[in-house]
């Protein structure tokens, strides 16, 4: 796999591992990190709201002797906002890993990556 991303956590935290191209893995990790770097830290825990649910995103950073965790959350993130595209990215990864509609999931994954990479 050559240092690529291989683990996706799907529903109920079940891990799904599939090989992935190293270039695609770098794009996914870059997109994920760039969106999380835009979040604002908070000590408040959100459990839900009358008009939606909070999505919680996280990333474990390892490498070069450094380790850390970045997290962010947003009330029902929607497109065209970057957290909404990140939500689609995660769902697409889950669908690809589980084999659910792989052609559509691959197209949705690429659309989310392009949007995150180009939307300011």
N, C-alpha and C. Protein backbone atom coordinates (compact mmCIF):
# COMPACT_ATOMS: atom_id res chain seq x y z
N UNK A 1 0.82 -1.19 0.00
CA UNK A 1 0.00 0.00 0.00
C UNK A 1 0.86 1.25 0.00
N UNK A 2 2.08 1.21 0.42
CA UNK A 2 2.99 2.33 0.30
C UNK A 2 2.62 3.56 1.10
N UNK A 3 2.26 3.41 2.38
CA UNK A 3 1.99 4.56 3.22
C UNK A 3 0.64 5.19 3.00
N UNK A 4 -0.23 4.51 2.30
CA UNK A 4 -1.55 5.08 2.05
C UNK A 4 -2.51 4.85 3.20
N UNK A 5 -3.67 5.44 3.07
CA UNK A 5 -4.72 5.31 4.07
C UNK A 5 -5.40 3.97 3.90
N UNK A 6 -5.65 3.27 4.98
CA UNK A 6 -6.28 1.97 4.82
C UNK A 6 -7.44 1.73 5.75
N UNK A 7 -7.63 2.53 6.76
CA UNK A 7 -8.69 2.22 7.72
C UNK A 7 -9.75 3.30 7.70
N UNK A 8 -10.97 2.88 7.59
CA UNK A 8 -12.11 3.79 7.63
C UNK A 8 -13.01 3.29 8.73
N UNK A 9 -13.46 4.18 9.58
CA UNK A 9 -14.37 3.78 10.64
C UNK A 9 -15.79 4.10 10.21
N UNK A 10 -16.59 3.07 10.10
CA UNK A 10 -17.95 3.22 9.64
C UNK A 10 -18.92 3.28 10.80
N UNK A 11 -20.17 2.90 10.54
CA UNK A 11 -21.19 2.95 11.58
C UNK A 11 -20.79 2.15 12.82
N UNK A 12 -21.09 2.70 13.95
CA UNK A 12 -20.82 2.08 15.25
C UNK A 12 -19.34 1.81 15.46
N UNK A 13 -18.48 2.59 14.80
CA UNK A 13 -17.04 2.48 15.01
C UNK A 13 -16.41 1.23 14.44
N UNK A 14 -17.13 0.50 13.60
CA UNK A 14 -16.57 -0.71 13.00
C UNK A 14 -15.51 -0.32 11.98
N UNK A 15 -14.34 -0.89 12.12
CA UNK A 15 -13.25 -0.57 11.20
C UNK A 15 -13.40 -1.38 9.91
N UNK A 16 -13.13 -0.72 8.82
CA UNK A 16 -13.14 -1.37 7.52
C UNK A 16 -11.82 -1.02 6.86
N UNK A 17 -11.08 -2.00 6.42
CA UNK A 17 -9.79 -1.74 5.80
C UNK A 17 -9.80 -2.20 4.36
N UNK A 18 -9.38 -1.30 3.48
CA UNK A 18 -9.25 -1.58 2.05
C UNK A 18 -8.00 -0.88 1.55
N UNK A 19 -7.32 -1.47 0.60
CA UNK A 19 -6.16 -0.78 0.02
C UNK A 19 -6.61 0.46 -0.75
N UNK A 20 -5.77 1.48 -0.73
CA UNK A 20 -6.09 2.72 -1.43
C UNK A 20 -4.81 3.29 -2.02
N UNK A 21 -4.92 3.89 -3.18
CA UNK A 21 -3.80 4.50 -3.86
C UNK A 21 -3.18 5.58 -2.97
N UNK A 22 -1.86 5.65 -2.91
CA UNK A 22 -1.16 6.59 -2.04
C UNK A 22 -1.48 8.04 -2.41
N UNK A 23 -1.62 8.35 -3.69
CA UNK A 23 -1.95 9.71 -4.10
C UNK A 23 -3.34 10.10 -3.62
N UNK A 24 -4.30 9.19 -3.76
CA UNK A 24 -5.65 9.45 -3.28
C UNK A 24 -5.65 9.60 -1.77
N UNK A 25 -4.89 8.75 -1.08
CA UNK A 25 -4.82 8.83 0.38
C UNK A 25 -4.30 10.19 0.82
N UNK A 26 -3.29 10.72 0.13
CA UNK A 26 -2.75 12.04 0.48
C UNK A 26 -3.79 13.13 0.27
N UNK A 27 -4.56 13.02 -0.80
CA UNK A 27 -5.62 14.00 -1.05
C UNK A 27 -6.68 13.95 0.04
N UNK A 28 -7.08 12.74 0.43
CA UNK A 28 -8.09 12.58 1.48
C UNK A 28 -7.58 13.15 2.79
N UNK A 29 -6.37 12.78 3.17
CA UNK A 29 -5.82 13.26 4.44
C UNK A 29 -5.64 14.77 4.41
N UNK A 30 -5.21 15.33 3.28
CA UNK A 30 -5.06 16.78 3.16
C UNK A 30 -6.39 17.50 3.28
N UNK A 31 -7.41 16.97 2.62
CA UNK A 31 -8.74 17.57 2.68
C UNK A 31 -9.28 17.53 4.10
N UNK A 32 -9.15 16.37 4.73
CA UNK A 32 -9.66 16.18 6.09
C UNK A 32 -8.98 17.16 7.04
N UNK A 33 -7.65 17.24 6.95
CA UNK A 33 -6.88 18.12 7.83
C UNK A 33 -7.22 19.59 7.57
N UNK A 34 -7.34 19.98 6.31
CA UNK A 34 -7.61 21.39 6.01
C UNK A 34 -8.95 21.85 6.56
N UNK A 35 -9.97 20.99 6.51
CA UNK A 35 -11.27 21.36 7.05
C UNK A 35 -11.20 21.42 8.58
N UNK A 36 -10.55 20.45 9.20
CA UNK A 36 -10.46 20.45 10.66
C UNK A 36 -9.65 21.63 11.18
N UNK A 37 -8.66 22.09 10.44
CA UNK A 37 -7.87 23.25 10.86
C UNK A 37 -8.70 24.53 10.87
N UNK A 38 -9.84 24.52 10.19
CA UNK A 38 -10.71 25.69 10.17
C UNK A 38 -11.71 25.70 11.33
N UNK A 39 -11.75 24.66 12.13
CA UNK A 39 -12.71 24.60 13.23
C UNK A 39 -12.23 25.44 14.40
N UNK A 40 -13.16 25.81 15.24
CA UNK A 40 -12.82 26.56 16.45
C UNK A 40 -12.97 25.63 17.64
N UNK A 41 -11.94 25.58 18.50
CA UNK A 41 -12.03 24.69 19.66
C UNK A 41 -13.13 25.13 20.63
N UNK A 42 -13.71 24.16 21.28
CA UNK A 42 -14.71 24.44 22.29
C UNK A 42 -14.63 23.37 23.37
N UNK A 43 -15.03 23.72 24.56
CA UNK A 43 -15.09 22.73 25.64
C UNK A 43 -16.52 22.24 25.84
N UNK A 44 -17.45 22.82 25.11
CA UNK A 44 -18.85 22.43 25.24
C UNK A 44 -19.13 21.20 24.38
N UNK A 45 -19.83 20.27 24.94
CA UNK A 45 -20.23 19.08 24.20
C UNK A 45 -21.64 19.28 23.66
N UNK A 46 -21.80 19.06 22.39
CA UNK A 46 -23.12 19.21 21.76
C UNK A 46 -23.72 17.83 21.53
N UNK A 47 -24.94 17.64 21.95
CA UNK A 47 -25.59 16.34 21.79
C UNK A 47 -26.67 16.36 20.73
N UNK A 48 -27.14 17.48 20.36
CA UNK A 48 -28.18 17.56 19.36
C UNK A 48 -28.93 18.86 19.49
N UNK A 49 -29.79 19.11 18.56
CA UNK A 49 -30.56 20.35 18.54
C UNK A 49 -31.90 20.04 17.89
N UNK A 50 -32.88 20.90 18.11
CA UNK A 50 -34.20 20.63 17.54
C UNK A 50 -34.21 20.52 16.01
N UNK A 51 -33.25 21.16 15.35
CA UNK A 51 -33.30 21.17 13.89
C UNK A 51 -32.19 20.37 13.23
N UNK A 52 -31.58 19.46 13.93
CA UNK A 52 -30.55 18.64 13.31
C UNK A 52 -29.67 17.95 14.34
N UNK A 53 -28.62 17.33 13.84
CA UNK A 53 -27.68 16.64 14.70
C UNK A 53 -26.29 17.22 14.49
N UNK A 54 -25.45 17.07 15.48
CA UNK A 54 -24.07 17.50 15.35
C UNK A 54 -23.24 16.36 14.78
N UNK A 55 -22.45 16.68 13.78
CA UNK A 55 -21.50 15.73 13.22
C UNK A 55 -20.17 16.00 13.89
N UNK A 56 -19.48 14.96 14.30
CA UNK A 56 -18.18 15.09 14.95
C UNK A 56 -17.13 14.48 14.02
N UNK A 57 -16.11 15.26 13.68
CA UNK A 57 -15.04 14.83 12.80
C UNK A 57 -13.75 14.78 13.58
N UNK A 58 -12.90 13.81 13.28
CA UNK A 58 -11.62 13.73 13.96
C UNK A 58 -10.53 13.19 13.07
N UNK A 59 -9.31 13.44 13.48
CA UNK A 59 -8.14 12.99 12.73
C UNK A 59 -7.02 12.72 13.71
N UNK A 60 -6.43 11.54 13.65
CA UNK A 60 -5.27 11.20 14.46
C UNK A 60 -4.04 11.49 13.62
N UNK A 61 -3.15 12.30 14.14
CA UNK A 61 -1.94 12.68 13.43
C UNK A 61 -0.77 11.90 13.99
N UNK A 62 -0.06 11.20 13.12
CA UNK A 62 1.13 10.45 13.51
C UNK A 62 2.21 10.67 12.48
N UNK A 63 3.43 10.65 12.91
CA UNK A 63 4.53 10.78 11.97
C UNK A 63 5.56 11.79 12.44
N UNK A 64 6.79 11.53 12.09
CA UNK A 64 7.86 12.44 12.46
C UNK A 64 8.04 12.60 13.95
N UNK A 65 7.63 11.60 14.71
CA UNK A 65 7.75 11.66 16.16
C UNK A 65 6.62 12.44 16.83
N UNK A 66 5.78 13.08 16.05
CA UNK A 66 4.68 13.87 16.61
C UNK A 66 3.38 13.06 16.55
N UNK A 67 2.56 13.24 17.56
CA UNK A 67 1.26 12.60 17.60
C UNK A 67 0.26 13.60 18.13
N UNK A 68 -0.95 13.50 17.67
CA UNK A 68 -1.97 14.39 18.17
C UNK A 68 -3.32 14.03 17.59
N UNK A 69 -4.33 14.69 18.09
CA UNK A 69 -5.69 14.48 17.63
C UNK A 69 -6.31 15.84 17.35
N UNK A 70 -6.95 15.97 16.20
CA UNK A 70 -7.72 17.17 15.88
C UNK A 70 -9.17 16.75 15.74
N UNK A 71 -10.07 17.53 16.31
CA UNK A 71 -11.48 17.23 16.18
C UNK A 71 -12.25 18.51 15.88
N UNK A 72 -13.41 18.35 15.34
CA UNK A 72 -14.31 19.47 15.09
C UNK A 72 -15.72 18.95 15.01
N UNK A 73 -16.67 19.85 15.21
CA UNK A 73 -18.06 19.45 15.10
C UNK A 73 -18.88 20.59 14.53
N UNK A 74 -19.97 20.22 13.91
CA UNK A 74 -20.83 21.22 13.29
C UNK A 74 -22.25 20.69 13.26
N UNK A 75 -23.20 21.58 13.47
CA UNK A 75 -24.60 21.20 13.40
C UNK A 75 -24.96 20.88 11.96
N UNK A 76 -25.32 19.67 11.70
CA UNK A 76 -25.76 19.18 10.40
C UNK A 76 -25.07 19.90 9.23
N UNK A 77 -23.79 19.62 9.00
CA UNK A 77 -23.06 20.32 7.95
C UNK A 77 -23.63 20.04 6.56
N UNK A 78 -23.82 21.09 5.82
CA UNK A 78 -24.40 20.98 4.48
C UNK A 78 -23.42 21.47 3.43
N UNK A 79 -23.58 20.98 2.22
CA UNK A 79 -22.85 21.53 1.09
C UNK A 79 -23.55 22.83 0.72
N UNK A 80 -22.91 23.84 0.25
CA UNK A 80 -21.58 23.91 -0.34
C UNK A 80 -20.47 24.23 0.66
N UNK A 81 -20.73 24.14 1.95
CA UNK A 81 -19.70 24.45 2.94
C UNK A 81 -18.74 23.27 3.08
N UNK A 82 -17.49 23.58 3.36
CA UNK A 82 -16.46 22.55 3.43
C UNK A 82 -16.79 21.43 4.42
N UNK A 83 -17.33 21.72 5.61
CA UNK A 83 -17.71 20.60 6.49
C UNK A 83 -18.77 19.70 5.88
N UNK A 84 -19.66 20.26 5.07
CA UNK A 84 -20.66 19.44 4.38
C UNK A 84 -20.02 18.51 3.37
N UNK A 85 -19.02 19.02 2.67
CA UNK A 85 -18.28 18.17 1.72
C UNK A 85 -17.48 17.12 2.47
N UNK A 86 -16.95 17.48 3.65
CA UNK A 86 -16.21 16.50 4.45
C UNK A 86 -17.14 15.37 4.90
N UNK A 87 -18.36 15.74 5.23
CA UNK A 87 -19.36 14.72 5.59
C UNK A 87 -19.58 13.76 4.42
N UNK A 88 -19.73 14.32 3.21
CA UNK A 88 -19.91 13.46 2.02
C UNK A 88 -18.67 12.60 1.79
N UNK A 89 -17.50 13.17 2.01
CA UNK A 89 -16.26 12.42 1.84
C UNK A 89 -16.25 11.20 2.77
N UNK A 90 -16.60 11.41 4.02
CA UNK A 90 -16.63 10.31 4.99
C UNK A 90 -17.65 9.25 4.62
N UNK A 91 -18.83 9.69 4.21
CA UNK A 91 -19.87 8.73 3.81
C UNK A 91 -19.43 7.93 2.59
N UNK A 92 -18.79 8.60 1.64
CA UNK A 92 -18.32 7.92 0.43
C UNK A 92 -17.25 6.89 0.76
N UNK A 93 -16.36 7.24 1.69
CA UNK A 93 -15.32 6.28 2.10
C UNK A 93 -15.96 5.07 2.75
N UNK A 94 -16.97 5.30 3.58
CA UNK A 94 -17.68 4.19 4.23
C UNK A 94 -18.36 3.30 3.20
N UNK A 95 -19.02 3.92 2.20
CA UNK A 95 -19.69 3.13 1.17
C UNK A 95 -18.68 2.34 0.34
N UNK A 96 -17.55 2.95 0.00
CA UNK A 96 -16.52 2.25 -0.78
C UNK A 96 -15.98 1.05 0.00
N UNK A 97 -15.75 1.27 1.28
CA UNK A 97 -15.19 0.20 2.10
C UNK A 97 -16.17 -0.97 2.25
N UNK A 98 -17.46 -0.64 2.36
CA UNK A 98 -18.46 -1.69 2.55
C UNK A 98 -18.93 -2.31 1.24
N UNK A 99 -18.53 -1.69 0.10
CA UNK A 99 -18.94 -2.22 -1.20
C UNK A 99 -20.32 -1.77 -1.62
N UNK A 100 -20.91 -0.80 -0.90
CA UNK A 100 -22.25 -0.29 -1.20
C UNK A 100 -22.17 0.75 -2.31
N UNK A 101 -22.76 0.47 -3.47
CA UNK A 101 -22.78 1.37 -4.63
C UNK A 101 -21.39 1.95 -4.91
N UNK A 102 -20.41 1.09 -5.23
CA UNK A 102 -19.03 1.57 -5.37
C UNK A 102 -18.81 2.60 -6.48
N UNK A 103 -19.51 2.52 -7.58
CA UNK A 103 -19.31 3.48 -8.67
C UNK A 103 -19.80 4.86 -8.23
N UNK A 104 -20.99 4.91 -7.65
CA UNK A 104 -21.53 6.19 -7.15
C UNK A 104 -20.67 6.72 -6.01
N UNK A 105 -20.24 5.84 -5.11
CA UNK A 105 -19.42 6.27 -3.98
C UNK A 105 -18.10 6.85 -4.45
N UNK A 106 -17.48 6.24 -5.46
CA UNK A 106 -16.21 6.76 -6.00
C UNK A 106 -16.42 8.13 -6.63
N UNK A 107 -17.52 8.31 -7.36
CA UNK A 107 -17.82 9.61 -7.97
C UNK A 107 -18.10 10.66 -6.89
N UNK A 108 -18.84 10.28 -5.86
CA UNK A 108 -19.14 11.21 -4.76
C UNK A 108 -17.87 11.59 -4.00
N UNK A 109 -16.97 10.61 -3.82
CA UNK A 109 -15.70 10.86 -3.14
C UNK A 109 -14.89 11.89 -3.93
N UNK A 110 -14.79 11.70 -5.23
CA UNK A 110 -14.02 12.62 -6.07
C UNK A 110 -14.66 14.01 -6.08
N UNK A 111 -15.98 14.07 -6.14
CA UNK A 111 -16.67 15.37 -6.11
C UNK A 111 -16.40 16.10 -4.80
N UNK A 112 -16.44 15.37 -3.69
CA UNK A 112 -16.17 15.99 -2.39
C UNK A 112 -14.74 16.48 -2.30
N UNK A 113 -13.80 15.67 -2.77
CA UNK A 113 -12.39 16.10 -2.74
C UNK A 113 -12.19 17.36 -3.57
N UNK A 114 -12.72 17.38 -4.76
CA UNK A 114 -12.56 18.56 -5.64
C UNK A 114 -13.17 19.79 -4.99
N UNK A 115 -14.34 19.64 -4.38
CA UNK A 115 -14.99 20.77 -3.73
C UNK A 115 -14.18 21.29 -2.55
N UNK A 116 -13.67 20.39 -1.74
CA UNK A 116 -12.87 20.81 -0.57
C UNK A 116 -11.58 21.47 -1.04
N UNK A 117 -11.00 20.94 -2.10
CA UNK A 117 -9.74 21.49 -2.59
C UNK A 117 -9.92 22.85 -3.26
N UNK A 118 -11.13 23.17 -3.72
CA UNK A 118 -11.32 24.42 -4.46
C UNK A 118 -12.19 25.44 -3.74
N UNK A 119 -13.09 25.01 -2.84
CA UNK A 119 -13.98 25.95 -2.15
C UNK A 119 -13.21 26.66 -1.05
N UNK A 120 -13.37 27.97 -1.01
CA UNK A 120 -12.69 28.76 0.03
C UNK A 120 -13.61 29.02 1.19
